[in-house]
Amino acid sequence: MNDKDKSQEQLLQEIAALRREVEAAGARSREAEDLSQSCSRMFGDLFNHLRSGGIIYEVRENGNKFIFLDVNLAAERIEKIKKEDVRGKSLVEVFPQIAECGLLDVFYRVWRTGVPEFCPAVFYQDKRISGWRENFVYKLPTGEIVTIYDDVTERIKTEERLWESEKRFMDVLYAAQDAILLIDGDKFVDCNEATARMLGYPTRAEFLMMHPAKLSPPKQPDGRDSFEKADEMMRLAFEKGFHRFEWIHTRANGENFPVDVCLTPLSLRGKKILHCLWRDLAEGKKAEAELFESNERFQSLLGNVNLGITTIGVDYKIKEVNAALADRFKKPADEFIGKECFREFERRDAVCAHCPGKKAMETGRVAEEEVEVIREDGRALFVRVHAVPLKDKNGVCTGFMEVSEDITRQKRKEKEQETQLRELRVLAETSMNREERILELKKRVKELEKILGEKTL
C-alpha cells in the first residue's frame, strides 16, 4: 500500500511511531536530529491541516483523566476554542457533558484495549456549544488518545427534516379518505385503510398480501391486457411527471368497478416510487358533480392564470375573482363577492346590453366582447372579455366565467394612430390645395401675359 492509499489516521500513527523510534534511538548525530525535527514538522502540518477536527489527549490517572495536548485548526473552528486556552486542561473541564453522550467510555475503552473505534453521530450540548459529532478514536504507540471527528450537525438536521417530511407524508396517506397506494416497480408496497375498504378487504395488511394480478380483470375495456397496459401507464407517469386515466379494478368479491387513477412519481426513503390515487367512479353522485364543476373551474383557471378571471352566477352576482383581476381594479378580491358584476365593473344599474356572459348563457357557447370598465377611482380601462358558460352534470347552466385581458394600452395606441392618420390626411389635403392654387396662379399669369402682349401689338 502506498502513502496515497492510507487513511489520515494510519499516516498519523506511522509518523508518530517514526518520531518515537527516532527519539528512542537517542542518537546524537545531526542527521538523527534533523530526521526527528522533520517527522515532527510532518506530523504537525498534517494534523493541523486535516479537514476533520483533531484532538490529542494525554492519559493520566490510569485512564480516568484525559488532558489536552494538541488541537488542530478544524477542531478550533468546530468547538470555538483556542489551542493555547485548552492545552493542559482536562477533557471534562472543556466539555463538561462529555460523559452524557458516551464518548468518555469510548476513550477509556480505546486506551485500555488499543482497539480503534468508530463512534456514529452523537449529540453533545453544554452551555457553550451544541451539535452532532461523528468520531474515530484510536491510540498512538506512545499512549496518547487521538480523536478525529466531523461536525455532522447540518447533515443530521437535513436527515431529520427529511424524516419528518416523510412521516407527515405517511401520516396524510394513512389518514386520507381517498384510496392511496405506493407502487415500487410492479408491486404495491403500502396503502391506507381507505384502499382496503374500496377493494373489500378487511385490513390493509390483507390487501397488501394480494398479488396485483387479482386486483384487475385480465383485460381492460379497450381489449388490452391489464398487465401490459399497467406497465404503459406507469411508464407514462414517469415520463410526464403525472398521468391520469380510468381503470377497471376487481373487488375481493369479484365485482369489477371503474376507478379514476392518478399516478405521480416521487422520491421516498431514497427510492423513486409512484404515488397512486384511486377514486371510485361508481360512488357518490354528489361527489361526482362537485368534482366535475371543480375540474371545469380548475381547467379554465389553469389555462388563463395570467388573465383576470371572474366566476359569476345566473343572477349576475360575483362568486369568485382571481388576484389578477383584483389587482387590475386596485381592490381586495373578497370585496367583489356577492355583488352584481354590472355595478362593479361598468357602474351600471342593470345588466349590460353587450354583456358577453349573457350571450354565453343564452347560446351555450363562448362569447367575446371588448368593453370599457370603470374603476372606483374613475379611471377607465378597456378589456377584451371571453365569457365561458358553466354547466352542472345535467347540462343546466349555473352561470359563466369571464376571462378578461387588459387592452387599454392597445386601445390608446390605436387612438394615437387614428389621430396621426387624421393629421396626415389634413396635411395631404393642405398640400394638394396648395398645388392647385399654384397651378391657378400660373394659368392666370399666362392669361395676363397674353393680354399684355396683344395690347402691345
Protein backbone atom coordinates (compact mmCIF):
# COMPACT_ATOMS: atom_id res chain seq x y z
CA MET A 1 0.00 0.00 0.00
CA ASN A 2 1.45 3.40 -0.93
CA ASP A 3 1.04 6.55 1.16
CA LYS A 4 -1.76 7.88 -1.05
CA ASP A 5 -3.90 4.83 -0.25
CA LYS A 6 -3.50 5.17 3.51
CA SER A 7 -6.04 6.92 5.72
CA GLN A 8 -5.26 10.07 7.70
CA GLU A 9 -5.25 8.03 10.91
CA GLN A 10 -2.75 5.48 9.52
CA LEU A 11 -0.41 8.24 8.40
CA LEU A 12 -0.62 9.94 11.78
CA GLN A 13 0.15 6.67 13.56
CA GLU A 14 3.11 5.90 11.30
CA ILE A 15 4.57 9.39 11.69
CA ALA A 16 4.11 9.26 15.46
CA ALA A 17 5.74 5.81 15.58
CA LEU A 18 8.62 7.06 13.47
CA ARG A 19 9.12 10.04 15.75
CA ARG A 20 9.07 7.72 18.77
CA GLU A 21 11.58 5.41 17.12
CA VAL A 22 13.94 8.27 16.37
CA GLU A 23 13.67 9.65 19.90
CA ALA A 24 14.20 6.19 21.45
CA ALA A 25 17.36 5.68 19.46
CA GLY A 26 18.88 8.53 21.38
CA ALA A 27 21.21 9.32 18.53
CA ARG A 28 23.18 12.50 18.93
CA SER A 29 24.11 12.86 15.34
CA ARG A 30 22.97 15.84 13.34
CA GLU A 31 21.27 13.51 10.87
CA ALA A 32 19.08 11.95 13.57
CA GLU A 33 18.13 15.36 14.96
CA ASP A 34 17.17 16.59 11.51
CA LEU A 35 15.07 13.47 10.90
CA SER A 36 13.31 13.90 14.23
CA GLN A 37 12.57 17.54 13.53
CA SER A 38 11.36 16.66 10.03
CA CYS A 39 8.99 14.00 11.39
CA SER A 40 7.67 16.43 13.99
CA ARG A 41 7.01 19.05 11.32
CA MET A 42 5.31 16.49 9.06
CA PHE A 43 3.12 15.30 11.91
CA GLY A 44 2.24 18.85 12.94
CA ASP A 45 1.47 20.03 9.40
CA LEU A 46 -0.66 17.01 8.57
CA PHE A 47 -2.52 17.13 11.87
CA ASN A 48 -3.17 20.88 11.75
CA HIS A 49 -4.44 20.87 8.16
CA LEU A 50 -6.85 17.98 8.39
CA ARG A 51 -10.34 18.89 7.17
CA SER A 52 -11.72 16.96 10.12
CA GLY A 53 -11.38 18.12 13.70
CA GLY A 54 -8.50 16.50 15.57
CA ILE A 55 -7.57 16.49 19.28
CA ILE A 56 -4.71 14.62 21.04
CA TYR A 57 -5.08 13.74 24.72
CA GLU A 58 -2.53 12.63 27.31
CA VAL A 59 -3.92 9.89 29.54
CA ARG A 60 -3.44 10.21 33.29
CA GLU A 61 -4.65 8.56 36.49
CA ASN A 62 -4.91 5.12 34.91
CA GLY A 63 -7.32 6.21 32.15
CA ASN A 64 -9.57 8.33 34.35
CA LYS A 65 -8.36 11.69 33.09
CA PHE A 66 -7.69 12.90 29.55
CA ILE A 67 -5.57 16.07 29.21
CA PHE A 68 -5.48 18.27 26.08
CA LEU A 69 -2.09 18.08 24.36
CA ASP A 70 -2.87 19.39 20.89
CA VAL A 71 -5.84 20.76 18.92
CA ASN A 72 -5.90 21.27 15.16
CA LEU A 73 -7.37 24.22 13.28
CA ALA A 74 -10.58 22.42 12.28
CA ALA A 75 -11.30 21.48 15.92
CA GLU A 76 -10.73 25.10 16.99
CA ARG A 77 -13.31 26.19 14.42
CA ILE A 78 -15.86 23.48 15.21
CA GLU A 79 -15.66 23.80 19.01
CA LYS A 80 -15.00 27.58 19.13
CA ILE A 81 -11.87 27.09 21.25
CA LYS A 82 -8.18 28.08 21.04
CA LYS A 83 -5.34 25.60 21.43
CA GLU A 84 -3.47 27.79 23.88
CA ASP A 85 -6.59 28.16 26.07
CA VAL A 86 -7.29 24.44 26.47
CA ARG A 87 -3.80 22.86 26.44
CA GLY A 88 -3.19 21.25 29.83
CA LYS A 89 -6.89 21.20 30.75
CA SER A 90 -8.88 18.02 31.21
CA LEU A 91 -11.48 16.79 28.75
CA VAL A 92 -14.24 17.22 31.33
CA GLU A 93 -13.22 20.83 32.02
CA VAL A 94 -13.64 21.85 28.37
CA PHE A 95 -16.59 19.54 27.60
CA PRO A 96 -18.45 19.14 30.92
CA GLN A 97 -21.25 16.99 29.42
CA ILE A 98 -18.96 14.56 27.60
CA ALA A 99 -19.93 11.59 29.79
CA GLU A 100 -23.64 12.01 28.97
CA CYS A 101 -23.09 11.41 25.25
CA GLY A 102 -21.00 8.25 25.84
CA LEU A 103 -17.68 9.46 24.37
CA LEU A 104 -15.83 9.24 27.69
CA ASP A 105 -16.49 5.48 27.80
CA VAL A 106 -15.23 5.15 24.21
CA PHE A 107 -11.98 6.98 25.10
CA TYR A 108 -11.42 4.72 28.09
CA ARG A 109 -12.04 1.51 26.10
CA VAL A 110 -9.69 2.54 23.29
CA TRP A 111 -6.95 3.47 25.81
CA ARG A 112 -7.40 0.17 27.66
CA THR A 113 -7.67 -2.17 24.64
CA GLY A 114 -5.77 -0.25 21.97
CA VAL A 115 -8.52 -1.14 19.50
CA PRO A 116 -9.71 1.86 17.43
CA GLU A 117 -13.44 2.61 17.49
CA PHE A 118 -15.73 4.47 15.16
CA CYS A 119 -18.45 6.27 17.07
CA PRO A 120 -21.55 7.10 14.99
CA ALA A 121 -23.08 10.55 15.30
CA VAL A 122 -23.80 11.57 18.90
CA PHE A 123 -25.31 14.80 20.16
CA TYR A 124 -23.31 16.94 22.57
CA GLN A 125 -24.64 20.03 24.34
CA ASP A 126 -23.50 22.27 27.16
CA LYS A 127 -23.98 25.95 27.98
CA ARG A 128 -21.40 26.96 25.39
CA ILE A 129 -21.88 24.73 22.34
CA SER A 130 -24.11 22.03 20.91
CA GLY A 131 -24.10 19.81 17.85
CA TRP A 132 -23.75 16.37 16.35
CA ARG A 133 -20.26 14.82 16.12
CA GLU A 134 -19.03 11.67 14.37
CA ASN A 135 -15.77 10.39 15.95
CA PHE A 136 -12.97 7.96 15.13
CA VAL A 137 -10.88 7.30 18.22
CA TYR A 138 -7.53 5.46 18.32
CA LYS A 139 -4.44 5.10 20.49
CA LEU A 140 -0.94 6.20 19.49
CA PRO A 141 2.03 3.86 20.14
CA THR A 142 3.21 6.45 22.65
CA GLY A 143 -0.01 6.03 24.66
CA GLU A 144 -1.85 9.22 23.71
CA ILE A 145 -5.51 9.09 22.61
CA VAL A 146 -6.44 10.77 19.32
CA THR A 147 -9.95 11.59 18.14
CA ILE A 148 -10.56 12.58 14.52
CA TYR A 149 -14.12 13.80 14.09
CA ASP A 150 -16.55 15.72 11.90
CA ASP A 151 -19.32 18.15 12.72
CA VAL A 152 -22.33 16.45 11.08
CA THR A 153 -24.97 18.76 12.57
CA GLU A 154 -26.25 20.02 9.22
CA ARG A 155 -26.38 16.50 7.81
CA ILE A 156 -28.35 15.26 10.82
CA LYS A 157 -30.72 18.23 10.62
CA THR A 158 -31.29 17.54 6.92
CA GLU A 159 -31.96 13.88 7.68
CA GLU A 160 -34.35 14.86 10.47
CA ARG A 161 -36.21 17.26 8.18
CA LEU A 162 -36.42 14.53 5.55
CA TRP A 163 -37.66 12.03 8.12
CA GLU A 164 -40.25 14.49 9.44
CA SER A 165 -41.38 15.26 5.88
CA GLU A 166 -41.71 11.58 5.07
CA LYS A 167 -43.54 10.96 8.35
CA ARG A 168 -46.01 13.76 7.59
CA PHE A 169 -46.48 12.30 4.12
CA MET A 170 -47.18 8.83 5.52
CA ASP A 171 -49.49 10.27 8.21
CA VAL A 172 -51.51 12.04 5.49
CA LEU A 173 -51.52 8.87 3.38
CA TYR A 174 -52.87 6.70 6.21
CA ALA A 175 -55.46 9.30 7.28
CA ALA A 176 -56.75 10.16 3.78
CA GLN A 177 -60.32 9.24 2.89
CA ASP A 178 -59.30 8.63 -0.72
CA ALA A 179 -57.63 5.34 -1.59
CA ILE A 180 -53.85 5.94 -1.83
CA LEU A 181 -51.19 3.38 -2.68
CA LEU A 182 -47.42 3.38 -3.16
CA ILE A 183 -46.02 1.38 -6.08
CA ASP A 184 -42.40 0.21 -6.24
CA GLY A 185 -41.72 -1.49 -9.57
CA ASP A 186 -44.72 -3.73 -10.18
CA LYS A 187 -45.70 -4.14 -6.52
CA PHE A 188 -47.99 -2.29 -4.13
CA VAL A 189 -45.68 -1.68 -1.15
CA ASP A 190 -48.04 0.35 1.04
CA CYS A 191 -51.57 1.71 1.15
CA ASN A 192 -54.12 3.22 3.52
CA GLU A 193 -57.22 1.66 5.05
CA ALA A 194 -59.40 3.50 2.51
CA THR A 195 -57.83 1.34 -0.21
CA ALA A 196 -58.69 -1.86 1.64
CA ARG A 197 -62.28 -0.65 2.16
CA MET A 198 -62.68 0.24 -1.51
CA LEU A 199 -61.50 -3.21 -2.62
CA GLY A 200 -63.47 -5.02 0.09
CA TYR A 201 -60.55 -6.35 2.17
CA PRO A 202 -60.79 -6.37 6.00
CA THR A 203 -57.42 -4.64 6.52
CA ARG A 204 -54.66 -3.00 4.52
CA ALA A 205 -52.31 -5.81 5.58
CA GLU A 206 -54.54 -8.40 3.89
CA PHE A 207 -54.81 -6.23 0.78
CA LEU A 208 -51.03 -5.90 0.50
CA MET A 209 -50.70 -9.69 0.59
CA MET A 210 -52.68 -9.97 -2.65
CA HIS A 211 -50.92 -10.38 -5.98
CA PRO A 212 -51.57 -7.40 -8.32
CA ALA A 213 -52.98 -9.81 -10.92
CA LYS A 214 -56.02 -10.39 -8.68
CA LEU A 215 -56.83 -6.67 -8.44
CA SER A 216 -57.80 -6.24 -12.13
CA PRO A 217 -59.67 -8.30 -14.72
CA PRO A 218 -57.46 -9.97 -17.38
CA LYS A 219 -58.33 -7.26 -19.93
CA GLN A 220 -59.37 -3.62 -19.80
CA PRO A 221 -62.44 -2.29 -21.70
CA ASP A 222 -60.28 -1.41 -24.73
CA GLY A 223 -59.32 -5.07 -25.06
CA ARG A 224 -55.75 -4.64 -23.90
CA ASP A 225 -54.06 -6.96 -21.41
CA SER A 226 -54.25 -5.37 -17.94
CA PHE A 227 -50.63 -6.12 -17.06
CA GLU A 228 -49.26 -4.73 -20.32
CA LYS A 229 -51.41 -1.60 -20.11
CA ALA A 230 -50.49 -1.07 -16.43
CA ASP A 231 -46.80 -1.07 -17.39
CA GLU A 232 -47.50 1.56 -20.05
CA MET A 233 -49.49 3.75 -17.64
CA MET A 234 -46.63 3.69 -15.12
CA ARG A 235 -44.08 4.45 -17.82
CA LEU A 236 -46.11 7.46 -18.96
CA ALA A 237 -46.34 8.70 -15.37
CA PHE A 238 -42.54 8.64 -15.01
CA GLU A 239 -42.04 10.29 -18.41
CA LYS A 240 -44.61 13.09 -17.95
CA GLY A 241 -44.35 13.57 -14.17
CA PHE A 242 -48.09 12.85 -13.81
CA HIS A 243 -50.60 10.60 -15.52
CA ARG A 244 -54.35 10.31 -15.07
CA PHE A 245 -56.59 7.65 -16.58
CA GLU A 246 -59.57 5.38 -15.94
CA TRP A 247 -59.10 1.76 -14.93
CA ILE A 248 -61.22 -1.28 -14.13
CA HIS A 249 -60.32 -2.93 -10.82
CA THR A 250 -61.71 -6.02 -9.14
CA ARG A 251 -63.04 -6.12 -5.58
CA ALA A 252 -62.43 -9.01 -3.20
CA ASN A 253 -65.90 -10.39 -4.07
CA GLY A 254 -65.04 -10.50 -7.78
CA GLU A 255 -67.00 -7.36 -8.74
CA ASN A 256 -65.37 -5.16 -11.37
CA PHE A 257 -65.72 -1.39 -10.96
CA PRO A 258 -64.33 1.77 -12.63
CA VAL A 259 -61.65 3.83 -10.91
CA ASP A 260 -60.16 7.22 -11.71
CA VAL A 261 -56.38 6.78 -11.28
CA CYS A 262 -53.75 9.47 -10.78
CA LEU A 263 -50.10 8.40 -10.85
CA THR A 264 -47.39 10.77 -9.62
CA PRO A 265 -43.68 9.86 -9.34
CA LEU A 266 -41.95 10.85 -6.10
CA SER A 267 -38.86 10.05 -4.04
CA LEU A 268 -39.35 8.34 -0.70
CA ARG A 269 -36.56 6.99 1.50
CA GLY A 270 -34.12 7.34 -1.35
CA LYS A 271 -36.22 5.38 -3.85
CA LYS A 272 -38.19 6.50 -6.89
CA ILE A 273 -41.76 5.25 -6.48
CA LEU A 274 -45.26 6.03 -7.75
CA HIS A 275 -47.93 7.70 -5.65
CA CYS A 276 -51.24 6.23 -6.78
CA LEU A 277 -54.59 7.90 -6.02
CA TRP A 278 -57.81 6.00 -6.69
CA ARG A 279 -61.30 7.47 -6.82
CA ASP A 280 -64.25 5.11 -7.17
CA LEU A 281 -66.25 6.40 -10.16
CA ALA A 282 -69.23 4.28 -9.18
CA GLU A 283 -69.76 6.12 -5.89
CA GLY A 284 -71.29 9.39 -4.85
CA LYS A 285 -73.30 11.27 -7.46
CA LYS A 286 -72.93 14.43 -5.43
CA ALA A 287 -69.17 13.98 -5.20
CA GLU A 288 -69.08 13.39 -8.96
CA ALA A 289 -70.97 16.62 -9.63
CA GLU A 290 -68.71 18.60 -7.29
CA LEU A 291 -65.65 17.06 -8.89
CA PHE A 292 -66.96 17.89 -12.38
CA GLU A 293 -67.62 21.53 -11.56
CA SER A 294 -64.35 21.83 -9.66
CA ASN A 295 -62.42 20.27 -12.52
CA GLU A 296 -64.11 22.57 -15.06
CA ARG A 297 -63.19 25.60 -12.97
CA PHE A 298 -59.69 24.30 -12.42
CA GLN A 299 -59.05 23.64 -16.10
CA SER A 300 -60.30 27.11 -17.05
CA LEU A 301 -58.13 28.76 -14.42
CA LEU A 302 -55.17 26.65 -15.36
CA GLY A 303 -55.16 27.86 -18.94
CA ASN A 304 -55.58 31.54 -18.12
CA VAL A 305 -53.70 32.20 -14.89
CA ASN A 306 -52.14 35.43 -16.18
CA LEU A 307 -55.51 36.98 -17.06
CA GLY A 308 -58.37 38.38 -15.00
CA ILE A 309 -60.79 35.57 -14.12
CA THR A 310 -64.27 36.02 -12.65
CA THR A 311 -66.92 33.38 -11.86
CA ILE A 312 -70.48 34.81 -12.00
CA GLY A 313 -73.83 33.18 -11.23
CA VAL A 314 -77.03 33.25 -13.30
CA ASP A 315 -78.16 36.18 -11.12
CA TYR A 316 -75.04 38.13 -12.27
CA LYS A 317 -73.62 38.11 -8.75
CA ILE A 318 -69.89 37.58 -8.47
CA LYS A 319 -68.83 34.29 -6.87
CA GLU A 320 -65.07 34.38 -7.32
CA VAL A 321 -62.32 36.61 -8.73
CA ASN A 322 -58.63 35.90 -9.09
CA ALA A 323 -55.73 38.04 -7.91
CA ALA A 324 -55.00 39.45 -11.38
CA LEU A 325 -58.49 40.94 -11.69
CA ALA A 326 -58.48 42.29 -8.13
CA ASP A 327 -55.12 43.95 -8.82
CA ARG A 328 -56.48 45.47 -12.04
CA PHE A 329 -59.26 47.19 -10.07
CA LYS A 330 -56.97 48.04 -7.12
CA LYS A 331 -59.41 46.38 -4.76
CA PRO A 332 -59.29 43.32 -2.45
CA ALA A 333 -60.76 40.22 -4.08
CA ASP A 334 -63.21 39.50 -1.24
CA GLU A 335 -64.91 42.88 -1.74
CA PHE A 336 -66.29 41.72 -5.11
CA ILE A 337 -68.02 38.60 -3.77
CA GLY A 338 -71.83 38.70 -3.80
CA LYS A 339 -72.03 41.97 -5.75
CA GLU A 340 -73.53 42.38 -9.21
CA CYS A 341 -70.96 42.40 -11.98
CA PHE A 342 -72.51 45.25 -13.98
CA ARG A 343 -72.34 47.56 -10.94
CA GLU A 344 -68.79 46.61 -10.02
CA PHE A 345 -67.24 46.67 -13.49
CA GLU A 346 -69.21 49.23 -15.51
CA ARG A 347 -71.05 51.29 -12.85
CA ARG A 348 -74.44 50.46 -14.40
CA ASP A 349 -77.82 49.84 -12.74
CA ALA A 350 -78.84 46.93 -14.96
CA VAL A 351 -77.33 44.10 -16.98
CA CYS A 352 -75.22 45.50 -19.82
CA ALA A 353 -76.75 45.17 -23.30
CA HIS A 354 -73.40 43.99 -24.66
CA CYS A 355 -72.79 41.53 -21.75
CA PRO A 356 -70.76 38.58 -23.11
CA GLY A 357 -71.79 36.46 -20.12
CA LYS A 358 -75.46 36.84 -21.01
CA LYS A 359 -74.70 35.81 -24.58
CA ALA A 360 -72.69 32.81 -23.39
CA MET A 361 -75.52 31.58 -21.14
CA GLU A 362 -78.11 32.06 -23.91
CA THR A 363 -76.12 30.35 -26.65
CA GLY A 364 -74.14 27.83 -24.61
CA ARG A 365 -71.01 28.96 -26.44
CA VAL A 366 -68.04 31.18 -25.65
CA ALA A 367 -68.81 34.85 -26.28
CA GLU A 368 -66.28 37.63 -26.84
CA GLU A 369 -66.63 41.39 -26.38
CA GLU A 370 -64.43 44.45 -25.97
CA VAL A 371 -65.82 46.66 -23.21
CA GLU A 372 -64.90 49.71 -21.19
CA VAL A 373 -64.81 49.18 -17.41
CA ILE A 374 -64.60 51.87 -14.73
CA ARG A 375 -62.60 51.60 -11.53
CA GLU A 376 -63.75 53.16 -8.28
CA ASP A 377 -61.17 55.92 -8.74
CA GLY A 378 -62.90 56.83 -12.03
CA ARG A 379 -60.17 55.53 -14.32
CA ALA A 380 -61.46 53.83 -17.45
CA LEU A 381 -59.91 50.61 -18.73
CA PHE A 382 -60.52 48.72 -21.96
CA VAL A 383 -60.70 44.93 -21.69
CA ARG A 384 -61.31 42.06 -24.09
CA VAL A 385 -63.64 39.57 -22.39
CA HIS A 386 -64.18 35.90 -23.20
CA ALA A 387 -67.25 34.53 -21.38
CA VAL A 388 -67.46 30.76 -20.90
CA PRO A 389 -70.81 29.19 -19.90
CA LEU A 390 -70.69 26.93 -16.80
CA LYS A 391 -72.96 23.88 -16.52
CA ASP A 392 -73.70 21.25 -13.91
CA LYS A 393 -73.60 17.49 -14.51
CA ASN A 394 -77.09 17.62 -16.03
CA GLY A 395 -76.13 20.28 -18.54
CA VAL A 396 -78.03 23.06 -16.75
CA CYS A 397 -76.35 26.46 -16.92
CA THR A 398 -75.13 27.65 -13.50
CA GLY A 399 -73.53 30.89 -14.62
CA PHE A 400 -70.48 31.89 -16.57
CA MET A 401 -66.78 32.54 -16.23
CA GLU A 402 -65.24 35.68 -17.67
CA VAL A 403 -61.60 35.66 -18.77
CA SER A 404 -60.52 39.23 -19.42
CA GLU A 405 -57.43 40.80 -20.95
CA ASP A 406 -56.46 44.42 -20.32
CA ILE A 407 -56.13 46.05 -23.76
CA THR A 408 -56.01 49.67 -22.53
CA ARG A 409 -52.53 50.26 -23.94
CA GLN A 410 -53.52 48.73 -27.25
CA LYS A 411 -56.61 50.96 -27.46
CA ARG A 412 -54.61 54.05 -26.59
CA LYS A 413 -52.06 53.17 -29.25
CA GLU A 414 -54.85 52.66 -31.80
CA LYS A 415 -56.30 56.05 -30.82
CA GLU A 416 -52.91 57.68 -31.24
CA GLN A 417 -52.55 56.04 -34.65
CA GLU A 418 -56.01 57.30 -35.69
CA THR A 419 -55.06 60.83 -34.59
CA GLN A 420 -51.82 60.64 -36.56
CA LEU A 421 -53.73 59.36 -39.60
CA ARG A 422 -56.19 62.27 -39.43
CA GLU A 423 -53.30 64.71 -39.19
CA LEU A 424 -51.65 63.12 -42.22
CA ARG A 425 -54.87 63.37 -44.18
CA VAL A 426 -55.21 67.06 -43.30
CA LEU A 427 -51.60 67.65 -44.28
CA ALA A 428 -52.11 65.81 -47.55
CA GLU A 429 -55.25 67.80 -48.31
CA THR A 430 -53.44 71.04 -47.49
CA SER A 431 -50.58 70.08 -49.79
CA MET A 432 -52.98 69.27 -52.62
CA ASN A 433 -54.81 72.60 -52.18
CA ARG A 434 -51.52 74.48 -52.33
CA GLU A 435 -50.52 72.75 -55.58
CA GLU A 436 -53.89 73.53 -57.13
CA ARG A 437 -53.56 77.23 -56.14
CA ILE A 438 -50.09 77.44 -57.71
CA LEU A 439 -51.41 75.99 -60.96
CA GLU A 440 -54.28 78.50 -60.97
CA LEU A 441 -51.85 81.37 -60.41
CA LYS A 442 -49.59 80.18 -63.21
CA LYS A 443 -52.58 79.94 -65.50
CA ARG A 444 -53.68 83.46 -64.56
CA VAL A 445 -50.15 84.82 -65.18
CA LYS A 446 -50.14 83.31 -68.65
CA GLU A 447 -53.53 84.85 -69.37
CA LEU A 448 -52.32 88.26 -68.22
CA GLU A 449 -49.14 87.95 -70.27
CA LYS A 450 -51.20 87.09 -73.32
CA ILE A 451 -53.48 90.12 -72.81
CA LEU A 452 -50.47 92.38 -72.26
CA GLY A 453 -48.84 91.11 -75.48
CA GLU A 454 -51.93 91.81 -77.52
CA LYS A 455 -52.11 95.34 -76.14
CA THR A 456 -48.50 95.95 -77.02
CA LEU A 457 -49.12 94.96 -80.61
